[in-house]
C-alpha atoms as a PDB file:
ATOM      1  CA  UNK A   1     -40.424   6.109  14.524  1.00  0.00           C
ATOM      2  CA  UNK A   2     -38.604   4.471  11.620  1.00  0.00           C
ATOM      3  CA  UNK A   3     -36.011   7.243  11.605  1.00  0.00           C
ATOM      4  CA  UNK A   4     -35.302   6.685  15.301  1.00  0.00           C
ATOM      5  CA  UNK A   5     -34.810   2.967  14.702  1.00  0.00           C
ATOM      6  CA  UNK A   6     -32.504   3.671  11.729  1.00  0.00           C
ATOM      7  CA  UNK A   7     -30.434   6.080  13.786  1.00  0.00           C
ATOM      8  CA  UNK A   8     -30.144   3.597  16.645  1.00  0.00           C
ATOM      9  CA  UNK A   9     -29.204   0.748  14.311  1.00  0.00           C
ATOM     10  CA  UNK A  10     -26.662   2.982  12.565  1.00  0.00           C
ATOM     11  CA  UNK A  11     -25.073   3.873  15.894  1.00  0.00           C
ATOM     12  CA  UNK A  12     -24.906   0.236  16.920  1.00  0.00           C
ATOM     13  CA  UNK A  13     -23.291  -0.716  13.602  1.00  0.00           C
ATOM     14  CA  UNK A  14     -20.691   2.025  13.956  1.00  0.00           C
ATOM     15  CA  UNK A  15     -19.881   0.862  17.468  1.00  0.00           C
ATOM     16  CA  UNK A  16     -19.348  -2.687  16.209  1.00  0.00           C
ATOM     17  CA  UNK A  17     -16.991  -1.764  13.371  1.00  0.00           C
ATOM     18  CA  UNK A  18     -13.388  -2.931  13.806  1.00  0.00           C
ATOM     19  CA  UNK A  19     -11.076  -0.487  15.550  1.00  0.00           C
ATOM     20  CA  UNK A  20      -8.722  -0.351  12.539  1.00  0.00           C
ATOM     21  CA  UNK A  21     -10.191   2.946  11.439  1.00  0.00           C
ATOM     22  CA  UNK A  22      -9.129   4.437  14.753  1.00  0.00           C
ATOM     23  CA  UNK A  23      -5.729   2.765  14.844  1.00  0.00           C
ATOM     24  CA  UNK A  24      -2.399   4.462  15.351  1.00  0.00           C
ATOM     25  CA  UNK A  25       1.105   3.280  14.589  1.00  0.00           C
ATOM     26  CA  UNK A  26       2.440   2.034  17.910  1.00  0.00           C
ATOM     27  CA  UNK A  27       6.025   0.996  18.486  1.00  0.00           C
ATOM     28  CA  UNK A  28       6.205  -2.794  18.198  1.00  0.00           C
ATOM     29  CA  UNK A  29       9.928  -3.232  18.847  1.00  0.00           C
ATOM     30  CA  UNK A  30      13.246  -1.495  18.331  1.00  0.00           C
ATOM     31  CA  UNK A  31      16.912  -2.196  17.692  1.00  0.00           C
ATOM     32  CA  UNK A  32      18.566  -1.474  20.089  1.00  0.00           C
ATOM     33  CA  UNK A  33      15.680  -2.691  22.196  1.00  0.00           C
ATOM     34  CA  UNK A  34      13.772  -0.487  24.622  1.00  0.00           C
ATOM     35  CA  UNK A  35      15.796  -0.116  27.864  1.00  0.00           C
ATOM     36  CA  UNK A  36      18.562  -2.335  26.459  1.00  0.00           C
ATOM     37  CA  UNK A  37      22.178  -2.352  27.604  1.00  0.00           C
ATOM     38  CA  UNK A  38      24.403  -2.998  24.604  1.00  0.00           C
ATOM     39  CA  UNK A  39      28.117  -3.772  24.686  1.00  0.00           C
ATOM     40  CA  UNK A  40      28.826  -2.219  21.281  1.00  0.00           C
ATOM     41  CA  UNK A  41      27.547   1.138  20.116  1.00  0.00           C
ATOM     42  CA  UNK A  42      24.972   0.690  17.350  1.00  0.00           C
ATOM     43  CA  UNK A  43      25.456   2.400  13.989  1.00  0.00           C
ATOM     44  CA  UNK A  44      21.717   2.993  13.598  1.00  0.00           C
ATOM     45  CA  UNK A  45      18.408   2.842  15.407  1.00  0.00           C
ATOM     46  CA  UNK A  46      15.600   0.889  13.747  1.00  0.00           C
ATOM     47  CA  UNK A  47      11.973   1.057  14.869  1.00  0.00           C
ATOM     48  CA  UNK A  48       9.211  -1.371  13.870  1.00  0.00           C
ATOM     49  CA  UNK A  49       5.641  -0.090  14.126  1.00  0.00           C
ATOM     50  CA  UNK A  50       2.293  -1.874  14.200  1.00  0.00           C
ATOM     51  CA  UNK A  51       1.333  -0.340  10.860  1.00  0.00           C
ATOM     52  CA  UNK A  52       2.941   1.420   7.919  1.00  0.00           C
ATOM     53  CA  UNK A  53       4.301   4.935   8.456  1.00  0.00           C
ATOM     54  CA  UNK A  54       5.048   7.899   6.192  1.00  0.00           C
ATOM     55  CA  UNK A  55       8.839   8.479   6.451  1.00  0.00           C
ATOM     56  CA  UNK A  56       8.665  12.003   4.969  1.00  0.00           C
ATOM     57  CA  UNK A  57       6.430  13.091   7.840  1.00  0.00           C
ATOM     58  CA  UNK A  58       8.073  11.062  10.603  1.00  0.00           C
ATOM     59  CA  UNK A  59      11.234  11.545  12.658  1.00  0.00           C
ATOM     60  CA  UNK A  60      13.663   9.885  15.041  1.00  0.00           C
ATOM     61  CA  UNK A  61      15.906  11.985  17.285  1.00  0.00           C
ATOM     62  CA  UNK A  62      18.557  10.272  19.404  1.00  0.00           C
ATOM     63  CA  UNK A  63      20.032  12.305  22.263  1.00  0.00           C
ATOM     64  CA  UNK A  64      22.941  11.720  24.604  1.00  0.00           C
ATOM     65  CA  UNK A  65      22.720  12.416  28.350  1.00  0.00           C
ATOM     66  CA  UNK A  66      23.352  16.141  27.713  1.00  0.00           C
ATOM     67  CA  UNK A  67      20.486  16.342  25.227  1.00  0.00           C
ATOM     68  CA  UNK A  68      22.772  16.631  22.203  1.00  0.00           C
ATOM     69  CA  UNK A  69      21.394  15.007  19.056  1.00  0.00           C
ATOM     70  CA  UNK A  70      23.593  12.139  17.865  1.00  0.00           C
ATOM     71  CA  UNK A  71      21.692  10.911  14.819  1.00  0.00           C
ATOM     72  CA  UNK A  72      23.394  11.321  11.449  1.00  0.00           C
ATOM     73  CA  UNK A  73      20.755  12.666   9.073  1.00  0.00           C
ATOM     74  CA  UNK A  74      17.010  12.184   8.872  1.00  0.00           C
ATOM     75  CA  UNK A  75      15.002   9.051   9.486  1.00  0.00           C
ATOM     76  CA  UNK A  76      14.242   6.922   6.446  1.00  0.00           C
ATOM     77  CA  UNK A  77      11.893   4.071   5.743  1.00  0.00           C
ATOM     78  CA  UNK A  78      13.041   0.534   5.028  1.00  0.00           C
ATOM     79  CA  UNK A  79      12.773  -0.467   1.368  1.00  0.00           C
ATOM     80  CA  UNK A  80      11.263  -3.848   2.247  1.00  0.00           C
ATOM     81  CA  UNK A  81       8.900  -2.883   5.092  1.00  0.00           C
ATOM     82  CA  UNK A  82       6.698   0.242   5.232  1.00  0.00           C
ATOM     83  CA  UNK A  83       6.290  -0.201   9.001  1.00  0.00           C
ATOM     84  CA  UNK A  84      10.027   0.304   9.695  1.00  0.00           C
ATOM     85  CA  UNK A  85      11.738   3.646  10.302  1.00  0.00           C
ATOM     86  CA  UNK A  86      15.484   3.944  10.888  1.00  0.00           C
ATOM     87  CA  UNK A  87      18.178   6.548  11.378  1.00  0.00           C
ATOM     88  CA  UNK A  88      21.966   6.364  11.189  1.00  0.00           C
ATOM     89  CA  UNK A  89      23.985   7.373  14.247  1.00  0.00           C
ATOM     90  CA  UNK A  90      27.246   9.209  14.764  1.00  0.00           C
ATOM     91  CA  UNK A  91      29.922   7.312  16.701  1.00  0.00           C
ATOM     92  CA  UNK A  92      28.528   6.811  20.204  1.00  0.00           C
ATOM     93  CA  UNK A  93      30.469   6.760  23.443  1.00  0.00           C
ATOM     94  CA  UNK A  94      29.522   4.757  26.530  1.00  0.00           C
ATOM     95  CA  UNK A  95      26.460   6.195  28.218  1.00  0.00           C
ATOM     96  CA  UNK A  96      22.686   6.529  28.160  1.00  0.00           C
ATOM     97  CA  UNK A  97      20.774   7.595  25.054  1.00  0.00           C
ATOM     98  CA  UNK A  98      17.184   8.670  24.558  1.00  0.00           C
ATOM     99  CA  UNK A  99      15.288   7.874  21.355  1.00  0.00           C
ATOM    100  CA  UNK A 100      12.377  10.217  20.601  1.00  0.00           C
ATOM    101  CA  UNK A 101      10.116   9.245  17.703  1.00  0.00           C
ATOM    102  CA  UNK A 102       7.174  10.892  15.993  1.00  0.00           C
ATOM    103  CA  UNK A 103       5.351   9.159  13.169  1.00  0.00           C
ATOM    104  CA  UNK A 104       2.490   9.730  10.799  1.00  0.00           C
ATOM    105  CA  UNK A 105       0.855   6.432   9.901  1.00  0.00           C
ATOM    106  CA  UNK A 106      -0.453   5.848   6.394  1.00  0.00           C
ATOM    107  CA  UNK A 107      -3.993   6.241   7.756  1.00  0.00           C
ATOM    108  CA  UNK A 108      -2.977   9.831   8.760  1.00  0.00           C
ATOM    109  CA  UNK A 109      -2.897   9.299  12.525  1.00  0.00           C
ATOM    110  CA  UNK A 110       0.052  10.755  14.442  1.00  0.00           C
ATOM    111  CA  UNK A 111       1.737   9.078  17.383  1.00  0.00           C
ATOM    112  CA  UNK A 112       4.912   9.632  19.329  1.00  0.00           C
ATOM    113  CA  UNK A 113       6.964   8.178  22.101  1.00  0.00           C
ATOM    114  CA  UNK A 114      10.427   7.734  23.544  1.00  0.00           C
ATOM    115  CA  UNK A 115      12.653   5.157  25.174  1.00  0.00           C
ATOM    116  CA  UNK A 116      16.240   4.814  26.324  1.00  0.00           C
ATOM    117  CA  UNK A 117      19.103   2.448  25.758  1.00  0.00           C
ATOM    118  CA  UNK A 118      22.587   2.335  27.265  1.00  0.00           C
ATOM    119  CA  UNK A 119      25.970   1.656  25.685  1.00  0.00           C
ATOM    120  CA  UNK A 120      28.021  -0.138  28.345  1.00  0.00           C
ATOM    121  CA  UNK A 121      31.134  -1.844  26.934  1.00  0.00           C
END
C-alpha cells in the first residue's frame, strides 16, 4: 500500500512541476515585424525567441514570392542576447517575403515557424 501511495504522490508532484522543462523557444517578436509592410528594404532579419537558442543548429531562410532564397549567409546569434537569431539579406526589391525559421533551444527542444513581411516603398 505504501508503494501505491508513493507512486501516486510522485505522479502528483511531477504534474505540479513548472512547465519550463517542457518549454520550447517560441518566436517573441521579429524585425521586420510579422506581417509588416515596410517602406525600406531591411538589410537583415532579426528574431527574438522566448528562450536562448543554439545558432549552430538553427536557421533562418528568407524567400521572395518565387521561392528564391534571399538571405546572405547563415543565421548567427547576437553577441549580447542568446535568444536572438539574425541573418543578413541581399538587396531586396518591392514585394512579399517569407521568413522560415527553425531553432534548437538550449534545452534541446526544436521548434519552427514562418511569417511574411512586405517591402512596399
